[in-house]
Amino acid sequence: MAANFNPIYTLTPNVGVGKIGTTAAHTASSGIGVVDTNLFVAFTAGPSGSFIQRARFNAIASAAAVNTVATTLRVFLSSVNTGTTTSANTSLLVEVSVPGTLSTANSTNSVLYYDIPLNIAVPSTRYILISQHVAQTTNKQWQGTVFGGDY
């Protein structure tokens, strides 16, 4: 079988966004969970697969100048985008601990974001799911944006 010696570039940008529910806590790093309850879809690979450059997390809020609760944010690769996931179809890619941080509704200061480099190619049947270990309180939420491109 001949190897592909030509570089492969993405053709179409693909940026996905997922918002983690404010009351959603996902204490397992095993990949077991329920989509739209404690795991949230942040990226869907294109029909010929995708290259995923990075995931970015931002604290967002519906009220000005509130602090999020310290938590661990997780990024999973999954072949499931609805229903219940298992450790056989969903695996942890990376997790990052974040302190309580001022939300993006702050009127005087910019807010830190957390970039997680991924740099992975994924087949067409894969999704990026995101979660948080500790649920946020009223008016606070984490948003995950995944930057990539489709082949």
N, C-alpha and C. Protein backbone atom coordinates (compact mmCIF):
# COMPACT_ATOMS: atom_id res chain seq x y z
N MET A 1 0.85 -1.16 0.00
CA MET A 1 0.00 0.00 0.00
C MET A 1 0.90 1.23 0.00
N ALA A 2 0.61 2.18 -0.88
CA ALA A 2 1.40 3.40 -0.98
C ALA A 2 1.00 4.37 0.13
N ALA A 3 1.98 5.03 0.68
CA ALA A 3 1.73 6.02 1.72
C ALA A 3 1.38 7.35 1.07
N ASN A 4 0.64 8.17 1.78
CA ASN A 4 0.30 9.50 1.28
C ASN A 4 1.42 10.45 1.67
N PHE A 5 2.15 10.95 0.67
CA PHE A 5 3.27 11.86 0.93
C PHE A 5 2.87 13.32 0.76
N ASN A 6 1.66 13.58 0.36
CA ASN A 6 1.18 14.95 0.19
C ASN A 6 0.50 15.43 1.46
N PRO A 7 0.75 16.67 1.85
CA PRO A 7 0.07 17.18 3.04
C PRO A 7 -1.44 17.28 2.80
N ILE A 8 -2.19 17.07 3.83
CA ILE A 8 -3.64 17.18 3.76
C ILE A 8 -4.04 18.43 4.54
N TYR A 9 -4.79 19.29 3.90
CA TYR A 9 -5.25 20.52 4.53
C TYR A 9 -6.76 20.48 4.68
N THR A 10 -7.25 21.18 5.67
CA THR A 10 -8.70 21.27 5.81
C THR A 10 -9.23 22.20 4.72
N LEU A 11 -10.46 21.95 4.32
CA LEU A 11 -11.08 22.71 3.25
C LEU A 11 -12.01 23.79 3.79
N THR A 12 -12.75 23.45 4.82
CA THR A 12 -13.77 24.35 5.36
C THR A 12 -13.58 24.54 6.86
N PRO A 13 -13.53 25.77 7.34
CA PRO A 13 -13.45 25.97 8.79
C PRO A 13 -14.68 25.37 9.49
N ASN A 14 -14.47 24.86 10.67
CA ASN A 14 -15.56 24.29 11.46
C ASN A 14 -15.33 24.72 12.90
N VAL A 15 -16.22 25.56 13.40
CA VAL A 15 -16.14 26.03 14.78
C VAL A 15 -17.43 25.63 15.48
N GLY A 16 -17.29 24.89 16.56
CA GLY A 16 -18.46 24.45 17.31
C GLY A 16 -18.47 25.09 18.69
N VAL A 17 -19.67 25.30 19.23
CA VAL A 17 -19.83 25.91 20.54
C VAL A 17 -20.77 25.06 21.38
N GLY A 18 -20.39 24.81 22.62
CA GLY A 18 -21.26 24.12 23.56
C GLY A 18 -21.28 24.87 24.88
N LYS A 19 -22.44 25.00 25.46
CA LYS A 19 -22.57 25.63 26.77
C LYS A 19 -22.90 24.57 27.79
N ILE A 20 -22.12 24.55 28.85
CA ILE A 20 -22.32 23.57 29.91
C ILE A 20 -23.45 24.07 30.80
N GLY A 21 -24.46 23.25 31.00
CA GLY A 21 -25.59 23.64 31.83
C GLY A 21 -25.16 24.09 33.22
N THR A 22 -25.83 25.09 33.74
CA THR A 22 -25.42 25.69 35.02
C THR A 22 -25.50 24.72 36.18
N THR A 23 -26.42 23.78 36.14
CA THR A 23 -26.55 22.84 37.26
C THR A 23 -25.92 21.49 36.93
N ALA A 24 -25.24 21.39 35.79
CA ALA A 24 -24.69 20.11 35.36
C ALA A 24 -23.34 19.84 35.98
N ALA A 25 -23.28 18.83 36.83
CA ALA A 25 -22.01 18.38 37.38
C ALA A 25 -21.71 17.01 36.79
N HIS A 26 -20.46 16.81 36.40
CA HIS A 26 -20.05 15.53 35.83
C HIS A 26 -18.76 15.13 36.54
N THR A 27 -18.89 14.32 37.55
CA THR A 27 -17.76 14.00 38.41
C THR A 27 -16.90 12.86 37.89
N ALA A 28 -17.29 12.23 36.78
CA ALA A 28 -16.54 11.09 36.24
C ALA A 28 -15.66 11.52 35.08
N SER A 29 -14.44 11.03 35.06
CA SER A 29 -13.57 11.28 33.90
C SER A 29 -13.54 10.06 32.99
N SER A 30 -14.39 9.08 33.27
CA SER A 30 -14.42 7.83 32.52
C SER A 30 -15.11 7.94 31.17
N GLY A 31 -15.87 9.01 30.94
CA GLY A 31 -16.62 9.16 29.71
C GLY A 31 -18.06 8.73 29.82
N ILE A 32 -18.45 8.19 30.96
CA ILE A 32 -19.83 7.76 31.16
C ILE A 32 -20.66 8.96 31.59
N GLY A 33 -21.75 9.22 30.86
CA GLY A 33 -22.61 10.34 31.19
C GLY A 33 -23.82 10.40 30.28
N VAL A 34 -24.56 11.50 30.37
CA VAL A 34 -25.75 11.69 29.56
C VAL A 34 -25.61 13.00 28.80
N VAL A 35 -25.71 12.91 27.47
CA VAL A 35 -25.59 14.11 26.63
C VAL A 35 -26.76 15.05 26.91
N ASP A 36 -26.46 16.32 27.03
CA ASP A 36 -27.39 17.41 27.35
C ASP A 36 -27.87 17.39 28.79
N THR A 37 -27.29 16.52 29.61
CA THR A 37 -27.55 16.54 31.05
C THR A 37 -26.28 16.88 31.80
N ASN A 38 -25.20 16.13 31.56
CA ASN A 38 -23.91 16.46 32.19
C ASN A 38 -22.74 16.42 31.20
N LEU A 39 -22.99 16.06 29.96
CA LEU A 39 -22.03 16.17 28.86
C LEU A 39 -22.69 16.97 27.75
N PHE A 40 -21.94 17.86 27.11
CA PHE A 40 -22.53 18.75 26.12
C PHE A 40 -21.72 18.74 24.84
N VAL A 41 -22.41 18.64 23.70
CA VAL A 41 -21.75 18.60 22.39
C VAL A 41 -21.19 19.99 22.07
N ALA A 42 -19.88 20.03 21.77
CA ALA A 42 -19.24 21.29 21.41
C ALA A 42 -18.70 21.28 19.98
N PHE A 43 -18.64 20.11 19.35
CA PHE A 43 -18.09 20.03 17.99
C PHE A 43 -18.59 18.76 17.32
N THR A 44 -18.95 18.89 16.04
CA THR A 44 -19.35 17.75 15.23
C THR A 44 -18.42 17.69 14.03
N ALA A 45 -17.76 16.56 13.83
CA ALA A 45 -16.85 16.41 12.70
C ALA A 45 -17.61 16.45 11.38
N GLY A 46 -16.94 16.94 10.33
CA GLY A 46 -17.54 17.03 9.01
C GLY A 46 -17.68 15.67 8.35
N PRO A 47 -18.33 15.61 7.18
CA PRO A 47 -18.62 14.34 6.52
C PRO A 47 -17.38 13.56 6.06
N SER A 48 -16.23 14.23 5.91
CA SER A 48 -14.99 13.54 5.53
C SER A 48 -13.96 13.56 6.65
N GLY A 49 -14.41 13.88 7.86
CA GLY A 49 -13.52 13.98 9.00
C GLY A 49 -13.09 15.42 9.22
N SER A 50 -12.42 15.67 10.33
CA SER A 50 -12.02 17.02 10.70
C SER A 50 -10.68 17.02 11.40
N PHE A 51 -10.03 18.16 11.38
CA PHE A 51 -8.84 18.41 12.19
C PHE A 51 -9.26 19.40 13.26
N ILE A 52 -8.98 19.09 14.51
CA ILE A 52 -9.36 19.96 15.62
C ILE A 52 -8.10 20.58 16.20
N GLN A 53 -8.05 21.90 16.14
CA GLN A 53 -6.87 22.62 16.61
C GLN A 53 -6.89 22.81 18.12
N ARG A 54 -7.98 23.36 18.64
CA ARG A 54 -8.00 23.65 20.08
C ARG A 54 -9.43 23.81 20.59
N ALA A 55 -9.54 23.74 21.91
CA ALA A 55 -10.78 24.04 22.61
C ALA A 55 -10.52 25.24 23.50
N ARG A 56 -11.47 26.14 23.55
CA ARG A 56 -11.35 27.33 24.41
C ARG A 56 -12.55 27.38 25.35
N PHE A 57 -12.27 27.61 26.62
CA PHE A 57 -13.33 27.76 27.61
C PHE A 57 -13.40 29.20 28.10
N ASN A 58 -14.62 29.74 28.14
CA ASN A 58 -14.88 31.08 28.66
C ASN A 58 -15.94 30.98 29.74
N ALA A 59 -15.76 31.79 30.79
CA ALA A 59 -16.81 31.92 31.79
C ALA A 59 -17.80 32.93 31.26
N ILE A 60 -19.08 32.57 31.25
CA ILE A 60 -20.11 33.50 30.80
C ILE A 60 -21.17 33.62 31.90
N ALA A 61 -21.91 34.72 31.86
CA ALA A 61 -22.91 34.94 32.89
C ALA A 61 -24.03 35.80 32.35
N SER A 62 -25.17 35.74 33.02
CA SER A 62 -26.31 36.56 32.65
C SER A 62 -26.46 37.77 33.56
N ALA A 63 -25.49 37.95 34.46
CA ALA A 63 -25.47 39.12 35.34
C ALA A 63 -24.03 39.63 35.40
N ALA A 64 -23.87 40.91 35.63
CA ALA A 64 -22.53 41.51 35.62
C ALA A 64 -21.74 41.14 36.87
N ALA A 65 -20.44 40.97 36.64
CA ALA A 65 -19.45 40.84 37.71
C ALA A 65 -19.77 39.77 38.75
N VAL A 66 -20.05 38.55 38.28
CA VAL A 66 -20.22 37.43 39.21
C VAL A 66 -19.07 36.45 38.99
N ASN A 67 -18.69 35.74 40.02
CA ASN A 67 -17.60 34.78 39.92
C ASN A 67 -18.13 33.37 39.71
N THR A 68 -17.45 32.63 38.84
CA THR A 68 -17.78 31.22 38.68
C THR A 68 -17.24 30.45 39.88
N VAL A 69 -17.67 29.21 40.00
CA VAL A 69 -17.18 28.31 41.03
C VAL A 69 -15.98 27.55 40.45
N ALA A 70 -14.93 27.39 41.24
CA ALA A 70 -13.77 26.62 40.79
C ALA A 70 -14.22 25.21 40.40
N THR A 71 -13.64 24.70 39.32
CA THR A 71 -14.06 23.39 38.83
C THR A 71 -12.98 22.79 37.95
N THR A 72 -13.20 21.60 37.47
CA THR A 72 -12.36 20.97 36.46
C THR A 72 -13.18 20.87 35.19
N LEU A 73 -12.65 21.41 34.10
CA LEU A 73 -13.31 21.34 32.79
C LEU A 73 -12.72 20.16 32.02
N ARG A 74 -13.57 19.39 31.35
CA ARG A 74 -13.10 18.21 30.63
C ARG A 74 -13.53 18.24 29.17
N VAL A 75 -12.69 17.65 28.32
CA VAL A 75 -12.95 17.52 26.89
C VAL A 75 -12.88 16.03 26.55
N PHE A 76 -13.93 15.52 25.91
CA PHE A 76 -14.02 14.11 25.55
C PHE A 76 -14.17 13.95 24.04
N LEU A 77 -13.67 12.86 23.50
CA LEU A 77 -13.91 12.45 22.13
C LEU A 77 -14.92 11.31 22.18
N SER A 78 -16.00 11.42 21.39
CA SER A 78 -17.07 10.44 21.47
C SER A 78 -17.64 10.10 20.10
N SER A 79 -18.20 8.92 19.99
CA SER A 79 -18.95 8.55 18.80
C SER A 79 -20.45 8.70 19.04
N VAL A 80 -20.82 9.30 20.16
CA VAL A 80 -22.22 9.48 20.56
C VAL A 80 -22.51 10.96 20.77
N ASN A 81 -23.64 11.43 20.23
CA ASN A 81 -24.03 12.83 20.47
C ASN A 81 -25.43 12.95 21.07
N THR A 82 -26.05 11.85 21.42
CA THR A 82 -27.33 11.85 22.12
C THR A 82 -27.36 10.67 23.08
N GLY A 83 -28.22 10.77 24.07
CA GLY A 83 -28.41 9.65 25.00
C GLY A 83 -27.26 9.46 25.97
N THR A 84 -27.06 8.23 26.37
CA THR A 84 -26.07 7.89 27.38
C THR A 84 -24.77 7.42 26.74
N THR A 85 -23.67 7.93 27.22
CA THR A 85 -22.35 7.52 26.74
C THR A 85 -21.80 6.43 27.65
N THR A 86 -20.83 5.68 27.13
CA THR A 86 -20.16 4.65 27.93
C THR A 86 -18.65 4.86 27.80
N SER A 87 -17.88 4.16 28.60
CA SER A 87 -16.43 4.25 28.49
C SER A 87 -15.93 3.58 27.22
N ALA A 88 -16.77 2.82 26.52
CA ALA A 88 -16.39 2.18 25.26
C ALA A 88 -16.53 3.13 24.07
N ASN A 89 -17.42 4.14 24.17
CA ASN A 89 -17.62 5.04 23.03
C ASN A 89 -17.21 6.49 23.30
N THR A 90 -16.75 6.76 24.50
CA THR A 90 -16.35 8.13 24.87
C THR A 90 -15.08 8.07 25.70
N SER A 91 -14.10 8.87 25.34
CA SER A 91 -12.84 8.86 26.10
C SER A 91 -12.38 10.28 26.41
N LEU A 92 -11.76 10.42 27.55
CA LEU A 92 -11.25 11.70 27.99
C LEU A 92 -10.03 12.08 27.17
N LEU A 93 -10.04 13.30 26.61
CA LEU A 93 -8.87 13.82 25.90
C LEU A 93 -8.00 14.64 26.84
N VAL A 94 -8.63 15.52 27.60
CA VAL A 94 -7.86 16.42 28.47
C VAL A 94 -8.79 17.01 29.52
N GLU A 95 -8.21 17.39 30.63
CA GLU A 95 -8.96 18.12 31.65
C GLU A 95 -8.07 19.21 32.20
N VAL A 96 -8.70 20.30 32.65
CA VAL A 96 -7.96 21.42 33.20
C VAL A 96 -8.72 21.96 34.41
N SER A 97 -7.98 22.19 35.49
CA SER A 97 -8.58 22.77 36.68
C SER A 97 -8.58 24.28 36.54
N VAL A 98 -9.72 24.89 36.83
CA VAL A 98 -9.84 26.35 36.71
C VAL A 98 -10.31 26.92 38.04
N PRO A 99 -9.79 28.06 38.42
CA PRO A 99 -10.24 28.70 39.66
C PRO A 99 -11.56 29.41 39.42
N GLY A 100 -12.18 29.86 40.49
CA GLY A 100 -13.33 30.74 40.34
C GLY A 100 -12.84 31.97 39.59
N THR A 101 -13.58 32.40 38.59
CA THR A 101 -13.14 33.52 37.77
C THR A 101 -14.30 34.45 37.48
N LEU A 102 -13.99 35.70 37.26
CA LEU A 102 -15.01 36.70 36.98
C LEU A 102 -15.63 36.41 35.62
N SER A 103 -16.93 36.53 35.52
CA SER A 103 -17.64 36.21 34.28
C SER A 103 -17.40 37.25 33.20
N THR A 104 -17.77 36.91 31.97
CA THR A 104 -17.60 37.83 30.85
C THR A 104 -18.61 38.96 30.84
N ALA A 105 -19.53 38.97 31.76
CA ALA A 105 -20.46 40.09 31.85
C ALA A 105 -19.84 41.25 32.62
N ASN A 106 -18.56 41.14 32.99
CA ASN A 106 -17.88 42.20 33.70
C ASN A 106 -17.76 43.43 32.81
N SER A 107 -18.04 44.59 33.35
CA SER A 107 -18.05 45.81 32.55
C SER A 107 -16.73 46.56 32.54
N THR A 108 -15.77 46.22 33.40
CA THR A 108 -14.54 47.01 33.48
C THR A 108 -13.26 46.23 33.17
N ASN A 109 -13.27 44.93 33.27
CA ASN A 109 -12.06 44.14 33.06
C ASN A 109 -12.29 43.03 32.04
N SER A 110 -11.24 42.74 31.28
CA SER A 110 -11.35 41.58 30.39
C SER A 110 -11.24 40.31 31.24
N VAL A 111 -11.73 39.22 30.70
CA VAL A 111 -11.79 37.97 31.44
C VAL A 111 -10.87 36.94 30.79
N LEU A 112 -10.18 36.19 31.60
CA LEU A 112 -9.30 35.15 31.08
C LEU A 112 -10.10 34.04 30.42
N TYR A 113 -9.53 33.45 29.40
CA TYR A 113 -10.08 32.25 28.80
C TYR A 113 -9.01 31.18 28.91
N TYR A 114 -9.42 29.93 28.73
CA TYR A 114 -8.51 28.80 28.84
C TYR A 114 -8.47 28.07 27.51
N ASP A 115 -7.32 28.13 26.83
CA ASP A 115 -7.12 27.42 25.56
C ASP A 115 -6.46 26.07 25.83
N ILE A 116 -7.00 25.04 25.23
CA ILE A 116 -6.46 23.70 25.36
C ILE A 116 -6.08 23.21 23.96
N PRO A 117 -4.78 23.10 23.66
CA PRO A 117 -4.40 22.61 22.34
C PRO A 117 -4.76 21.13 22.18
N LEU A 118 -5.35 20.78 21.05
CA LEU A 118 -5.71 19.39 20.78
C LEU A 118 -4.92 18.85 19.59
N ASN A 119 -4.97 19.55 18.46
CA ASN A 119 -4.22 19.17 17.26
C ASN A 119 -4.38 17.69 16.91
N ILE A 120 -5.64 17.29 16.69
CA ILE A 120 -5.95 15.90 16.36
C ILE A 120 -6.85 15.83 15.13
N ALA A 121 -6.68 14.78 14.35
CA ALA A 121 -7.58 14.49 13.25
C ALA A 121 -8.61 13.48 13.75
N VAL A 122 -9.87 13.70 13.40
CA VAL A 122 -10.93 12.80 13.84
C VAL A 122 -11.79 12.38 12.66
N PRO A 123 -12.32 11.16 12.68
CA PRO A 123 -13.19 10.71 11.59
C PRO A 123 -14.55 11.40 11.62
N SER A 124 -15.31 11.20 10.58
CA SER A 124 -16.60 11.88 10.41
C SER A 124 -17.64 11.52 11.48
N THR A 125 -17.46 10.44 12.13
CA THR A 125 -18.47 9.96 13.08
C THR A 125 -18.13 10.32 14.53
N ARG A 126 -17.39 11.39 14.74
CA ARG A 126 -16.94 11.74 16.09
C ARG A 126 -17.43 13.12 16.51
N TYR A 127 -17.51 13.29 17.83
CA TYR A 127 -17.97 14.52 18.44
C TYR A 127 -17.04 14.89 19.58
N ILE A 128 -16.95 16.17 19.87
CA ILE A 128 -16.26 16.63 21.06
C ILE A 128 -17.33 17.01 22.07
N LEU A 129 -17.25 16.37 23.24
CA LEU A 129 -18.17 16.66 24.34
C LEU A 129 -17.39 17.37 25.44
N ILE A 130 -18.06 18.25 26.16
CA ILE A 130 -17.42 18.98 27.25
C ILE A 130 -18.24 18.83 28.53
N SER A 131 -17.55 18.98 29.66
CA SER A 131 -18.26 18.89 30.95
C SER A 131 -17.50 19.67 32.01
N GLN A 132 -18.14 19.81 33.16
CA GLN A 132 -17.52 20.44 34.34
C GLN A 132 -17.71 19.53 35.53
N HIS A 133 -16.76 19.53 36.43
CA HIS A 133 -16.83 18.65 37.60
C HIS A 133 -17.77 19.20 38.66
N VAL A 134 -17.75 20.52 38.88
CA VAL A 134 -18.58 21.15 39.90
C VAL A 134 -19.60 22.05 39.20
N ALA A 135 -20.85 21.89 39.55
CA ALA A 135 -21.91 22.71 38.94
C ALA A 135 -21.75 24.18 39.35
N GLN A 136 -22.10 25.05 38.42
CA GLN A 136 -22.06 26.49 38.69
C GLN A 136 -23.37 26.91 39.34
N THR A 137 -23.35 28.04 40.02
CA THR A 137 -24.56 28.54 40.65
C THR A 137 -25.27 29.51 39.70
N THR A 138 -26.35 30.08 40.14
CA THR A 138 -27.18 30.95 39.32
C THR A 138 -26.37 32.02 38.59
N ASN A 139 -26.72 32.27 37.33
CA ASN A 139 -26.13 33.31 36.47
C ASN A 139 -24.73 32.97 35.96
N LYS A 140 -24.20 31.79 36.26
CA LYS A 140 -22.83 31.47 35.85
C LYS A 140 -22.82 30.21 34.99
N GLN A 141 -21.91 30.19 34.01
CA GLN A 141 -21.86 29.07 33.09
C GLN A 141 -20.50 29.06 32.38
N TRP A 142 -20.09 27.89 31.90
CA TRP A 142 -18.89 27.78 31.06
C TRP A 142 -19.32 27.48 29.64
N GLN A 143 -18.65 28.13 28.70
CA GLN A 143 -18.87 27.89 27.29
C GLN A 143 -17.59 27.32 26.69
N GLY A 144 -17.72 26.25 25.91
CA GLY A 144 -16.58 25.67 25.22
C GLY A 144 -16.71 25.92 23.73
N THR A 145 -15.68 26.48 23.13
CA THR A 145 -15.63 26.71 21.68
C THR A 145 -14.51 25.86 21.12
N VAL A 146 -14.81 25.07 20.11
CA VAL A 146 -13.82 24.17 19.52
C VAL A 146 -13.53 24.66 18.10
N PHE A 147 -12.24 24.90 17.82
CA PHE A 147 -11.80 25.43 16.54
C PHE A 147 -11.17 24.31 15.72
N GLY A 148 -11.66 24.14 14.51
CA GLY A 148 -11.11 23.12 13.63
C GLY A 148 -11.45 23.39 12.19
N GLY A 149 -11.30 22.37 11.38
CA GLY A 149 -11.62 22.46 9.97
C GLY A 149 -12.00 21.09 9.44
N ASP A 150 -12.86 21.07 8.42
CA ASP A 150 -13.30 19.81 7.82
C ASP A 150 -12.47 19.51 6.58
N TYR A 151 -12.17 18.24 6.36
CA TYR A 151 -11.44 17.80 5.17
C TYR A 151 -12.38 17.74 3.98
